[in-house]
Amino acid sequence: MIDLLLVHGVAITMDEQRRILQDGAVAIHNGKILEVEYSEHLLSKYEAKKVMDCHHHIVLPGFIDAHGHGGHSLFKSIATENMNFWMPIMTNTYKHFVTDDFWYYEGKLNALERLKAGITTGACVLGSMPRSDDPVFALNHAKAYSEVGVREIVCTGPCNPPWPHSFSRWVDGKRVVKEVTYEEVLKGAEAVIEALNHSNEDRIRAFITPFVIVTSVDPSNPTPADKLYGLTDHDRYQAKKIREIARKYNTRIHSDAFGGMIHLAVQDKENALLGPDVHLQHCRGISFDEARILAETGTNVTSSPGFGQVNARTPITELIEMGANVAITTDGTSPSAPFDMFQAMRKTQMIHQAALRDYYYLPPGKLLEMVTIDAAKCVGWDDELGSLEAGKKADVITVNLQQPHLTPEFMHVHRLVHQAVASDVDNVIVDGKIIMEDRKVLTVNEKLALEEAQEESLRTIDRAGLEKYMQPTKYFWGHARAYVDERRYDPNNQ
């Protein structure tokens, strides 16, 4: 007798043949997919401990969000009136005003939002720039994810110079400030990888994650050609150390990149943070030459839709046509992006169709690939995740079609990409275990987790003095354009 049988759903397999079975079924046992076939065939072949009737549901592999952040879930919307200062405001908060417990409470909320959006695997960069001066932050975050049951890829590593760097811990309600060296944050990141990679029955993995692949240029925007002066000693040293850590622990590399960085990185041929074991987020404003380098080196690219794409686009369509592997991510929840892969697919399509003035770019099938099997390739897990195939891990979600906005029930991929939203996900299975059924979370007390997250958020806001960044301006109502008209952010006294 097998553990679980899903029957009478529309199975979108994402296998090599991209089979769509109109009355499809998935047989699951010991955490793995045994077979994906028509319901009549599997019902006659297997007896199951539990049979889930998926009539009026799409059955598909769980979404994989290859880039997002740990921490942001407790700061949703804060400082959106001051977007030019959002990064330093949040970075300072993470460095000096969050407690060790913050990462546990935030991690549980973070994992719950992803779970209820059908994301079964999510990458989390800890903070805005990653924080790795102590492994406790990552350990607490991963503990929360493990309790919820969603797979997490913990991403941590060094932030940008100068070094040493000032970080704070909170002990018995008191702030303790310490100057931390670059070598110390590398050791902290190593400790995280050693403790977490392949832990919790391989539902937790840990990647080495420097903030960006080149530290000597603008870390958040493309750098013009006349400001690309070559790699610094620290750029080369960091690439060398990151490569050493990745080899030592047989793990992967994840980082951000923007225009100009790839041109510089490739100059260090031995240690460049490029290649099949790397996935780079953003890649906005890269040149044609840089896109070619990414494709030729087999570097994986992930991209999220946002306003920044208007000023400097990730050349997703060009990269795909060159043969690069590209996935869509949410970059959630920074600062106003939810963990909703349906929204991310639609926004990505609209941005690139508008930029290229061509309605036919990024068809729905490709978009769905970019949040399932292509995303699994980005994180090096496509041997076990990203599609419904025999032998793969049983990470499966179902989407309820019996709703006005998803009726009529045909052209199912189009329906997912064009009309579905996160709350349409009804059931989530990870490693063959049902962790959400009929939108009820089965692993943790959701109401308690939300209450704890709310309380921790308010405590942190008060401690960090973030209230001023939560206030609307006098132009908030009734005006076509907002002005702040006051100095809220001072780099010397935030």
Protein backbone atom coordinates (compact mmCIF):
# COMPACT_ATOMS: atom_id res chain seq x y z
CA MET A 1 0.00 0.00 0.00
CA ILE A 2 1.37 3.40 -0.97
CA ASP A 3 1.20 6.56 1.12
CA LEU A 4 -0.75 8.95 -1.08
CA LEU A 5 -2.60 9.04 -4.39
CA LEU A 6 -3.75 12.26 -6.04
CA VAL A 7 -6.44 11.58 -8.65
CA HIS A 8 -8.75 13.30 -11.14
CA GLY A 9 -6.71 16.49 -11.43
CA VAL A 10 -5.21 18.23 -14.45
CA ALA A 11 -1.59 17.20 -14.02
CA ILE A 12 0.90 19.67 -15.50
CA THR A 13 4.03 17.57 -15.17
CA MET A 14 6.82 19.89 -16.43
CA ASP A 15 8.64 16.69 -17.45
CA GLU A 16 10.77 16.59 -20.60
CA GLN A 17 7.69 16.02 -22.76
CA ARG A 18 5.76 18.72 -20.85
CA ARG A 19 2.83 16.30 -20.54
CA ILE A 20 -0.52 17.67 -19.42
CA LEU A 21 -2.86 14.90 -18.28
CA GLN A 22 -6.51 15.98 -18.25
CA ASP A 23 -7.58 13.30 -15.76
CA GLY A 24 -4.18 12.88 -14.21
CA ALA A 25 -2.94 11.17 -11.07
CA VAL A 26 0.25 11.16 -8.99
CA ALA A 27 1.29 8.16 -6.88
CA ILE A 28 3.52 9.01 -3.88
CA HIS A 29 5.37 6.75 -1.45
CA ASN A 30 8.22 7.28 1.02
CA GLY A 31 8.52 10.91 0.01
CA LYS A 32 9.04 10.17 -3.69
CA ILE A 33 6.88 10.19 -6.80
CA LEU A 34 6.25 6.63 -7.96
CA GLU A 35 4.33 7.37 -11.13
CA VAL A 36 2.41 10.11 -12.96
CA GLU A 37 -0.31 8.75 -15.22
CA TYR A 38 -4.02 8.87 -15.95
CA SER A 39 -6.28 8.35 -12.93
CA GLU A 40 -7.90 5.18 -14.26
CA HIS A 41 -4.51 3.53 -14.63
CA LEU A 42 -3.16 4.43 -11.18
CA LEU A 43 -6.43 3.70 -9.34
CA SER A 44 -6.37 0.17 -10.75
CA LYS A 45 -2.67 -0.25 -9.92
CA TYR A 46 -2.31 1.11 -6.37
CA GLU A 47 -4.07 1.04 -3.03
CA ALA A 48 -3.26 4.10 -0.93
CA LYS A 49 -3.48 5.09 2.71
CA LYS A 50 -4.95 8.39 1.54
CA VAL A 51 -6.60 9.27 -1.75
CA MET A 52 -6.94 12.98 -2.53
CA ASP A 53 -9.64 13.84 -5.07
CA CYS A 54 -8.26 16.68 -7.19
CA HIS A 55 -11.30 17.18 -9.40
CA HIS A 56 -11.46 20.87 -10.47
CA HIS A 57 -7.78 21.26 -9.48
CA ILE A 58 -4.52 21.67 -11.35
CA VAL A 59 -1.77 19.43 -9.95
CA LEU A 60 1.77 20.65 -10.58
CA PRO A 61 5.25 20.73 -9.02
CA GLY A 62 5.74 23.15 -6.15
CA PHE A 63 7.12 26.55 -7.10
CA ILE A 64 10.80 27.28 -6.49
CA ASP A 65 11.63 30.86 -5.50
CA ALA A 66 15.37 31.03 -6.09
CA HIS A 67 15.87 34.47 -4.51
CA GLY A 68 14.20 36.21 -1.61
CA HIS A 69 15.15 37.57 1.78
CA GLY A 70 14.99 36.57 5.39
CA GLY A 71 14.05 39.46 7.65
CA HIS A 72 11.94 41.54 5.29
CA SER A 73 8.69 39.80 6.19
CA LEU A 74 8.54 41.74 9.47
CA PHE A 75 9.25 45.06 7.74
CA LYS A 76 6.78 44.94 4.84
CA SER A 77 6.19 48.43 3.36
CA ILE A 78 8.44 50.27 5.86
CA ALA A 79 10.42 53.09 4.18
CA THR A 80 8.57 52.74 0.86
CA GLU A 81 8.03 56.52 1.04
CA ASN A 82 11.84 56.86 1.20
CA MET A 83 12.98 54.36 -1.42
CA ASN A 84 16.32 56.05 -2.10
CA PHE A 85 17.27 55.31 1.50
CA TRP A 86 15.54 51.97 1.89
CA MET A 87 18.70 49.86 1.63
CA PRO A 88 20.78 51.75 4.24
CA ILE A 89 17.78 51.98 6.59
CA MET A 90 17.17 48.24 6.45
CA THR A 91 20.85 47.31 6.50
CA ASN A 92 21.42 49.35 9.64
CA THR A 93 18.39 47.72 11.26
CA TYR A 94 19.64 44.21 10.53
CA LYS A 95 23.15 45.01 11.71
CA HIS A 96 22.19 46.63 14.98
CA PHE A 97 18.55 46.28 16.09
CA VAL A 98 17.31 42.73 15.57
CA THR A 99 17.52 40.09 18.29
CA ASP A 100 18.49 36.46 17.80
CA ASP A 101 14.82 35.48 18.27
CA PHE A 102 13.81 37.90 15.52
CA TRP A 103 15.13 35.46 12.93
CA TYR A 104 12.98 32.62 14.27
CA TYR A 105 9.73 34.59 14.37
CA GLU A 106 10.41 36.16 10.98
CA GLY A 107 11.43 32.80 9.53
CA LYS A 108 8.13 31.24 10.51
CA LEU A 109 6.11 34.07 8.94
CA ASN A 110 8.36 33.99 5.88
CA ALA A 111 7.89 30.24 5.44
CA LEU A 112 4.13 30.44 6.01
CA GLU A 113 3.65 33.08 3.34
CA ARG A 114 5.61 31.00 0.87
CA LEU A 115 3.75 27.83 1.84
CA LYS A 116 0.35 29.45 1.29
CA ALA A 117 1.55 30.70 -2.12
CA GLY A 118 2.57 27.22 -3.28
CA ILE A 119 6.31 27.80 -2.92
CA THR A 120 7.84 24.55 -1.68
CA THR A 121 11.48 25.69 -1.97
CA GLY A 122 12.63 29.22 -1.17
CA ALA A 123 16.06 30.84 -1.06
CA CYS A 124 16.57 33.35 1.76
CA VAL A 125 19.40 35.87 1.83
CA LEU A 126 19.62 36.79 5.51
CA GLY A 127 18.96 40.52 5.66
CA SER A 128 19.38 43.08 2.88
CA MET A 129 23.12 42.67 2.70
CA PRO A 130 23.70 39.19 4.19
CA ARG A 131 24.69 38.98 7.85
CA SER A 132 27.01 36.15 8.87
CA ASP A 133 28.96 37.42 11.90
CA ASP A 134 27.24 34.73 13.99
CA PRO A 135 25.60 31.49 12.79
CA VAL A 136 22.69 31.80 15.27
CA PHE A 137 20.67 33.98 12.88
CA ALA A 138 20.69 31.38 10.11
CA LEU A 139 20.16 28.52 12.56
CA ASN A 140 17.05 30.18 13.99
CA HIS A 141 15.68 30.96 10.53
CA ALA A 142 16.21 27.41 9.32
CA LYS A 143 14.61 26.05 12.51
CA ALA A 144 11.43 28.00 11.69
CA TYR A 145 11.39 26.76 8.10
CA SER A 146 11.89 23.19 9.30
CA GLU A 147 8.89 23.46 11.61
CA VAL A 148 6.65 24.80 8.84
CA GLY A 149 7.93 22.14 6.43
CA VAL A 150 8.96 24.25 3.44
CA ARG A 151 12.42 23.71 1.95
CA GLU A 152 14.83 26.57 2.58
CA ILE A 153 18.10 27.49 0.91
CA VAL A 154 19.89 29.62 3.50
CA CYS A 155 22.10 32.19 1.77
CA THR A 156 24.70 33.99 3.83
CA GLY A 157 28.15 35.45 3.41
CA PRO A 158 30.10 38.70 3.61
CA CYS A 159 28.59 42.11 3.00
CA ASN A 160 30.56 44.85 1.26
CA PRO A 161 33.63 46.76 2.56
CA PRO A 162 34.93 48.64 4.49
CA TRP A 163 36.28 46.20 7.05
CA PRO A 164 36.20 45.71 9.98
CA HIS A 165 32.43 46.11 10.26
CA SER A 166 30.33 47.05 13.25
CA PHE A 167 27.58 44.59 14.30
CA SER A 168 25.35 44.42 17.36
CA ARG A 169 23.92 41.59 19.43
CA TRP A 170 21.20 42.03 22.04
CA VAL A 171 21.95 40.36 25.38
CA ASP A 172 19.42 40.61 28.23
CA GLY A 173 17.79 43.54 26.47
CA LYS A 174 21.06 45.46 26.09
CA ARG A 175 22.91 46.25 22.90
CA VAL A 176 26.46 44.92 22.62
CA VAL A 177 28.47 46.33 19.70
CA LYS A 178 31.46 44.53 18.25
CA GLU A 179 33.88 45.27 15.45
CA VAL A 180 33.99 42.22 13.18
CA THR A 181 36.70 41.40 10.65
CA TYR A 182 36.21 40.04 7.17
CA GLU A 183 37.77 36.74 8.21
CA GLU A 184 35.27 36.44 11.06
CA VAL A 185 32.24 36.79 8.78
CA LEU A 186 33.71 34.16 6.47
CA LYS A 187 34.06 31.81 9.45
CA GLY A 188 30.47 32.57 10.44
CA ALA A 189 29.26 31.72 6.93
CA GLU A 190 31.29 28.50 6.97
CA ALA A 191 29.73 27.53 10.29
CA VAL A 192 26.25 28.03 8.79
CA ILE A 193 27.05 25.86 5.77
CA GLU A 194 28.63 23.17 7.91
CA ALA A 195 25.62 23.06 10.26
CA LEU A 196 22.77 23.43 7.77
CA ASN A 197 23.67 22.19 4.30
CA HIS A 198 21.64 19.03 3.59
CA SER A 199 20.15 19.11 7.10
CA ASN A 200 16.57 18.27 8.12
CA GLU A 201 16.55 15.29 5.74
CA ASP A 202 17.91 17.56 3.00
CA ARG A 203 15.04 20.02 3.24
CA ILE A 204 17.56 22.70 4.22
CA ARG A 205 20.53 23.66 2.09
CA ALA A 206 23.04 26.46 2.55
CA PHE A 207 24.83 28.44 -0.18
CA ILE A 208 27.78 30.80 0.22
CA THR A 209 26.46 34.25 -0.66
CA PRO A 210 28.59 37.38 -0.93
CA PHE A 211 26.40 40.46 -1.31
CA VAL A 212 27.67 41.07 -4.86
CA ILE A 213 30.26 39.36 -7.09
CA VAL A 214 32.38 42.53 -7.36
CA THR A 215 32.55 44.85 -4.35
CA SER A 216 34.31 47.89 -5.84
CA VAL A 217 31.43 49.26 -7.94
CA ASP A 218 27.84 50.32 -7.25
CA PRO A 219 26.27 47.33 -5.43
CA SER A 220 22.68 48.06 -6.45
CA ASN A 221 22.80 49.55 -9.96
CA PRO A 222 24.68 49.19 -13.24
CA THR A 223 28.06 50.93 -13.38
CA PRO A 224 28.91 52.99 -16.51
CA ALA A 225 31.78 51.77 -18.67
CA ASP A 226 34.01 54.75 -17.78
CA LYS A 227 33.83 53.82 -14.08
CA LEU A 228 34.96 50.22 -14.50
CA TYR A 229 38.54 50.58 -13.37
CA GLY A 230 39.37 46.90 -12.92
CA LEU A 231 39.26 44.50 -10.01
CA THR A 232 40.62 45.61 -6.65
CA ASP A 233 42.71 43.43 -4.36
CA HIS A 234 39.64 42.87 -2.18
CA ASP A 235 37.54 41.84 -5.19
CA ARG A 236 40.12 39.19 -6.06
CA TYR A 237 40.56 38.07 -2.47
CA GLN A 238 36.82 37.69 -1.94
CA ALA A 239 36.35 35.66 -5.13
CA LYS A 240 39.21 33.37 -4.08
CA LYS A 241 37.80 32.83 -0.56
CA ILE A 242 34.24 32.25 -1.82
CA ARG A 243 35.50 29.68 -4.30
CA GLU A 244 37.49 27.93 -1.55
CA ILE A 245 34.44 27.72 0.74
CA ALA A 246 32.21 26.42 -2.07
CA ARG A 247 34.73 23.69 -2.89
CA LYS A 248 35.37 22.78 0.75
CA TYR A 249 31.68 22.17 1.50
CA ASN A 250 30.60 21.12 -2.01
CA THR A 251 27.96 23.82 -2.06
CA ARG A 252 26.81 26.41 -4.53
CA ILE A 253 27.32 30.16 -4.86
CA HIS A 254 24.54 32.74 -4.96
CA SER A 255 25.03 36.49 -5.29
CA ASP A 256 23.76 39.69 -6.89
CA ALA A 257 25.18 41.22 -10.05
CA PHE A 258 24.53 44.37 -12.04
CA GLY A 259 25.84 45.82 -15.29
CA GLY A 260 29.63 46.07 -15.33
CA MET A 261 30.25 43.45 -12.63
CA ILE A 262 30.36 40.52 -15.05
CA HIS A 263 32.83 42.35 -17.30
CA LEU A 264 35.08 42.82 -14.26
CA ALA A 265 34.56 39.39 -12.70
CA VAL A 266 35.63 37.47 -15.79
CA GLN A 267 39.04 39.17 -15.61
CA ASP A 268 39.86 36.84 -12.70
CA LYS A 269 39.74 33.69 -14.79
CA GLU A 270 40.68 31.35 -11.95
CA ASN A 271 38.19 32.47 -9.32
CA ALA A 272 35.46 34.40 -11.15
CA LEU A 273 32.10 33.90 -9.46
CA LEU A 274 30.59 32.63 -12.68
CA GLY A 275 29.73 29.16 -13.93
CA PRO A 276 27.18 26.33 -13.63
CA ASP A 277 27.47 26.24 -9.82
CA VAL A 278 26.48 29.92 -9.54
CA HIS A 279 23.18 31.70 -9.81
CA LEU A 280 23.15 35.48 -10.02
CA GLN A 281 20.16 37.60 -9.07
CA HIS A 282 19.14 40.80 -10.90
CA CYS A 283 21.73 41.16 -13.70
CA ARG A 284 20.00 44.41 -14.59
CA GLY A 285 21.69 46.68 -17.08
CA ILE A 286 24.23 44.13 -18.26
CA SER A 287 25.74 44.62 -21.70
CA PHE A 288 25.42 42.26 -24.65
CA ASP A 289 29.00 41.12 -23.98
CA GLU A 290 28.12 40.33 -20.38
CA ALA A 291 25.02 38.39 -21.41
CA ARG A 292 27.21 36.38 -23.77
CA ILE A 293 29.66 35.65 -20.93
CA LEU A 294 26.84 34.39 -18.71
CA ALA A 295 25.56 32.10 -21.46
CA GLU A 296 29.01 30.80 -22.40
CA THR A 297 30.02 30.09 -18.79
CA GLY A 298 26.72 28.38 -18.00
CA THR A 299 26.01 30.84 -15.19
CA ASN A 300 22.40 30.69 -14.02
CA VAL A 301 20.44 33.94 -13.89
CA THR A 302 17.47 34.84 -11.69
CA SER A 303 15.41 37.97 -12.07
CA SER A 304 12.51 39.61 -10.27
CA PRO A 305 10.06 42.11 -11.76
CA GLY A 306 10.17 45.58 -10.26
CA PHE A 307 10.47 49.26 -11.04
CA GLY A 308 14.23 48.91 -11.48
CA GLN A 309 13.57 46.96 -14.67
CA VAL A 310 12.25 50.17 -16.27
CA ASN A 311 15.61 51.93 -15.93
CA ALA A 312 17.88 48.92 -16.46
CA ARG A 313 16.31 45.73 -17.73
CA THR A 314 17.53 42.19 -17.18
CA PRO A 315 17.81 40.95 -20.79
CA ILE A 316 15.84 37.80 -20.03
CA THR A 317 14.69 37.12 -23.57
CA GLU A 318 18.17 37.64 -25.03
CA LEU A 319 19.76 35.41 -22.37
CA ILE A 320 17.27 32.63 -23.10
CA GLU A 321 17.89 32.90 -26.84
CA MET A 322 21.65 32.66 -26.15
CA GLY A 323 21.07 29.42 -24.23
CA ALA A 324 21.33 30.68 -20.64
CA ASN A 325 19.13 29.26 -17.92
CA VAL A 326 16.94 31.98 -16.39
CA ALA A 327 14.41 31.78 -13.56
CA ILE A 328 11.84 34.21 -12.19
CA THR A 329 12.03 35.10 -8.50
CA THR A 330 9.93 37.23 -6.18
CA ASP A 331 12.82 38.98 -4.37
CA GLY A 332 10.22 38.98 -1.59
CA THR A 333 9.37 40.68 0.48
CA SER A 334 11.66 43.61 -0.31
CA PRO A 335 10.17 46.10 0.30
CA SER A 336 6.74 45.59 -1.25
CA ALA A 337 6.97 42.38 -3.27
CA PRO A 338 4.91 39.45 -1.93
CA PHE A 339 5.93 35.81 -2.21
CA ASP A 340 3.48 35.35 -5.08
CA MET A 341 4.95 33.56 -8.07
CA PHE A 342 1.77 34.10 -10.11
CA GLN A 343 2.21 37.88 -9.82
CA ALA A 344 5.92 37.54 -10.55
CA MET A 345 5.21 35.65 -13.79
CA ARG A 346 2.66 38.19 -15.00
CA LYS A 347 4.78 41.22 -14.10
CA THR A 348 7.85 39.71 -15.77
CA GLN A 349 5.90 39.08 -18.97
CA MET A 350 4.44 42.59 -19.04
CA ILE A 351 7.78 44.32 -18.36
CA HIS A 352 9.58 42.54 -21.17
CA GLN A 353 6.76 42.74 -23.67
CA ALA A 354 6.56 46.48 -23.03
CA ALA A 355 10.33 46.98 -23.21
CA LEU A 356 10.59 45.06 -26.47
CA ARG A 357 7.25 46.38 -27.78
CA ASP A 358 6.31 42.83 -28.70
CA TYR A 359 3.26 41.01 -27.27
CA TYR A 360 4.66 37.59 -28.18
CA TYR A 361 7.69 37.47 -25.89
CA LEU A 362 7.69 35.09 -22.89
CA PRO A 363 4.75 32.81 -23.66
CA PRO A 364 2.90 31.27 -20.70
CA GLY A 365 4.62 27.89 -21.01
CA LYS A 366 8.06 29.46 -20.71
CA LEU A 367 6.96 31.53 -17.72
CA LEU A 368 5.78 28.40 -15.90
CA GLU A 369 9.08 26.68 -16.68
CA MET A 370 10.89 29.64 -15.11
CA VAL A 371 9.29 29.08 -11.69
CA THR A 372 9.54 25.28 -11.71
CA ILE A 373 12.10 23.26 -13.66
CA ASP A 374 14.30 26.21 -14.74
CA ALA A 375 14.35 27.48 -11.14
CA ALA A 376 15.33 23.99 -9.96
CA LYS A 377 18.28 24.09 -12.39
CA CYS A 378 19.32 27.49 -11.02
CA VAL A 379 19.69 26.11 -7.50
CA GLY A 380 21.23 22.83 -8.67
CA TRP A 381 18.29 20.69 -7.54
CA ASP A 382 16.68 19.74 -10.85
CA ASP A 383 17.66 16.09 -10.35
CA GLU A 384 15.05 15.90 -7.57
CA LEU A 385 12.75 18.93 -7.87
CA GLY A 386 10.94 21.06 -10.44
CA SER A 387 8.77 18.49 -12.20
CA LEU A 388 6.36 15.63 -11.55
CA GLU A 389 8.39 12.59 -12.57
CA ALA A 390 8.96 9.12 -11.16
CA GLY A 391 11.86 9.10 -8.72
CA LYS A 392 11.76 12.78 -7.90
CA LYS A 393 10.89 14.18 -4.49
CA ALA A 394 7.16 14.53 -4.00
CA ASP A 395 6.85 18.32 -3.82
CA VAL A 396 3.38 18.90 -5.26
CA ILE A 397 0.80 21.67 -5.13
CA THR A 398 -2.81 21.90 -6.30
CA VAL A 399 -4.64 24.99 -7.52
CA ASN A 400 -8.41 25.22 -7.08
CA LEU A 401 -10.04 26.03 -10.42
CA GLN A 402 -13.66 26.06 -9.23
CA GLN A 403 -13.77 29.82 -8.82
CA PRO A 404 -15.19 32.57 -11.06
CA HIS A 405 -11.82 33.98 -12.09
CA LEU A 406 -10.45 30.53 -13.04
CA THR A 407 -13.54 29.28 -14.89
CA PRO A 408 -13.89 27.98 -17.62
CA GLU A 409 -11.51 25.08 -17.02
CA PHE A 410 -9.42 24.88 -20.16
CA MET A 411 -6.08 26.26 -21.42
CA HIS A 412 -4.80 25.46 -17.96
CA VAL A 413 -1.29 26.92 -18.26
CA HIS A 414 -2.77 30.19 -19.48
CA ARG A 415 -5.18 30.12 -16.57
CA LEU A 416 -2.33 29.75 -14.07
CA VAL A 417 -0.18 32.46 -15.60
CA HIS A 418 -2.85 35.02 -16.47
CA GLN A 419 -5.55 34.68 -13.82
CA ALA A 420 -4.40 32.70 -10.74
CA VAL A 421 -3.19 34.25 -7.49
CA ALA A 422 -1.36 32.84 -4.47
CA SER A 423 -4.51 32.22 -2.46
CA ASP A 424 -5.78 29.82 -5.15
CA VAL A 425 -3.30 27.20 -3.93
CA ASP A 426 -5.34 24.68 -1.90
CA ASN A 427 -2.94 21.85 -1.05
CA VAL A 428 0.83 21.65 -0.60
CA ILE A 429 2.89 18.48 -0.28
CA VAL A 430 6.62 18.47 0.53
CA ASP A 431 8.62 15.23 0.60
CA GLY A 432 5.34 13.35 0.29
CA LYS A 433 3.92 14.93 3.45
CA ILE A 434 0.78 17.06 3.24
CA ILE A 435 1.65 20.31 5.02
CA MET A 436 -1.36 22.32 3.85
CA GLU A 437 -4.77 20.82 3.08
CA ASP A 438 -7.72 22.89 1.89
CA ARG A 439 -5.60 25.95 2.83
CA LYS A 440 -5.26 24.81 6.44
CA VAL A 441 -1.65 24.63 7.60
CA LEU A 442 -1.08 21.27 9.31
CA THR A 443 2.43 21.67 10.68
CA VAL A 444 2.31 24.74 12.95
CA ASN A 445 -0.26 26.91 14.70
CA GLU A 446 -0.69 29.58 12.03
CA LYS A 447 -2.65 31.99 14.23
CA LEU A 448 -0.02 31.86 16.98
CA ALA A 449 2.79 32.33 14.45
CA LEU A 450 1.10 35.46 13.09
CA GLU A 451 0.62 36.86 16.59
CA GLU A 452 4.26 36.22 17.50
CA ALA A 453 5.44 37.82 14.25
CA GLN A 454 3.28 40.89 14.88
CA GLU A 455 4.68 41.34 18.39
CA GLU A 456 8.30 40.85 17.31
CA SER A 457 7.84 43.31 14.45
CA LEU A 458 6.49 46.04 16.76
CA ARG A 459 9.30 45.47 19.27
CA THR A 460 11.93 45.77 16.54
CA ILE A 461 10.31 48.86 15.00
CA ASP A 462 10.39 50.54 18.40
CA ARG A 463 13.98 49.48 19.12
CA ALA A 464 15.25 50.66 15.72
CA GLY A 465 13.21 53.87 15.60
CA LEU A 466 11.51 52.95 12.34
CA GLU A 467 8.19 54.66 13.09
CA LYS A 468 9.18 57.78 11.15
CA TYR A 469 9.56 55.66 8.00
CA MET A 470 6.00 54.36 8.39
CA GLN A 471 4.26 57.72 8.20
CA PRO A 472 2.55 58.83 4.98
CA THR A 473 3.49 62.21 3.58
CA LYS A 474 1.02 65.08 3.27
CA TYR A 475 0.82 64.20 -0.45
CA PHE A 476 -0.37 60.64 0.27
CA TRP A 477 -4.06 61.37 -0.44
CA GLY A 478 -5.41 63.27 -3.42
CA HIS A 479 -2.12 64.00 -5.20
CA ALA A 480 -0.71 62.59 -8.41
CA ARG A 481 2.87 62.67 -7.09
CA ALA A 482 4.32 62.28 -3.62
CA TYR A 483 6.95 64.46 -1.97
CA VAL A 484 8.45 63.70 1.41
CA ASP A 485 9.24 67.35 2.20
CA GLU A 486 11.21 66.48 5.32
CA ARG A 487 14.56 64.96 6.12
CA ARG A 488 13.77 61.60 7.63
CA TYR A 489 17.08 59.85 6.99
CA ASP A 490 20.44 61.05 8.26
CA PRO A 491 23.36 58.66 7.57
CA ASN A 492 25.07 59.80 10.79
CA ASN A 493 22.00 59.41 12.99
CA GLN A 494 19.41 57.25 11.29
